[in-house]
Amino acid sequence: MPSRKLLAAYLPTPGGEDALALGIALAGPFHAALDVCMVLPPPPQGGDGGADPVRKTTEMLDAQAADWLSEAVGRIPDEVVAEGHIAFHENAAEGLVAEAESTGSAAIIVGGSGGGIRGRHALGSVVNDLLHISTKPVVITPLGAQETARPPRRITCAIGRRPGATPLLRAAVDACSRSGLPLRLVSLVTSDDATAHRDGDKTEDDEKQAVAHATEQLAEHVATIGAQLPDGQEITSEVITGDTIEDAVASLEWTAEDIIFVGSSRLARPQQLFFGATASKMLRALAIPMVVVPKDPD
């Protein structure tokens, strides 16, 4: 039996199908079972049982949802250990977090469903809420994943130059340990970086110092991680420069089999996510799954 569980947030929508497809693609490499979860509003209270038209309509919709869920789970390949369940919560995002915690799921996989387009990701209200309250890593699925999702062949971990990378590195190393996939550490140095001078101008010396600092940090991380992973597992590192975060990310080599891990903003509460500005900018430039990791308690 798989030693880990992933929760795929499902609805019979393009976003729900994308999340399901990515969950199937990730389950094998990460030796995980898949829990396909639909979160519905709780049934109305009171009324005259089956004679209440609102309650009757709700029951019909719940029955339809059960059929949709059963059909979705039935499409999952036999080699993936999977089950489905319906949960009832007033708030869909809070419900997904509660279900992930109660089922011991390692991450919540979500698809885009409306909202502003960001590259090939569309962040709807539920996903936006999750990216600010989740206590579990959230995997953001690119649009169209139901057609393009593939098992990953490399994990990229984007490391900032401020303190606080420990939970992010821990999650990436754990994923590499479970999957045997190569790990690529990247650090972005850009002209719009917060280390620029107050007048907005960043000198050549500033950039050289930033690159040197990032290179030194990555070398330390590689040495530490190398001692935690099996001998022979590939670890590489790159410092990327560009005028903007989007430019720097776009200059990296990416394939459809990549998956990227990013950390939460410094504004995140302990053990929770907060989708920061840098990760948001990266999302605009990427068409691969992004794993957003919560902040450590300390």
Foldseek 3Di string as FASTA:
>chain_A
DQPAEEEEEADPDLFRLLSLLQQLQACVLLSYAYEYEYEAADADDDDDPCVRVSNVVVVVVVVVRVVVQVVSVVPRDPVHHYDYDYHHDNQPLVRQLVVCVVVVHQEYETAADADDDQAQGHHDPSNQVQQAFHLHKYKYAGGPNSPQHHRAQEEEEEDELDPFCVQQLVVSLSSCQSRVHAYEYEYEDALQDPVADPVSGRDPVNSVVVQVSVVVVVVVSCVVSCVVHDPPRHYYYYYFYYHDLLGRLLPDDDDQNYEYEYEADPPHAASGHHHDPSNSSNSSNDNYMYIYGYGHND
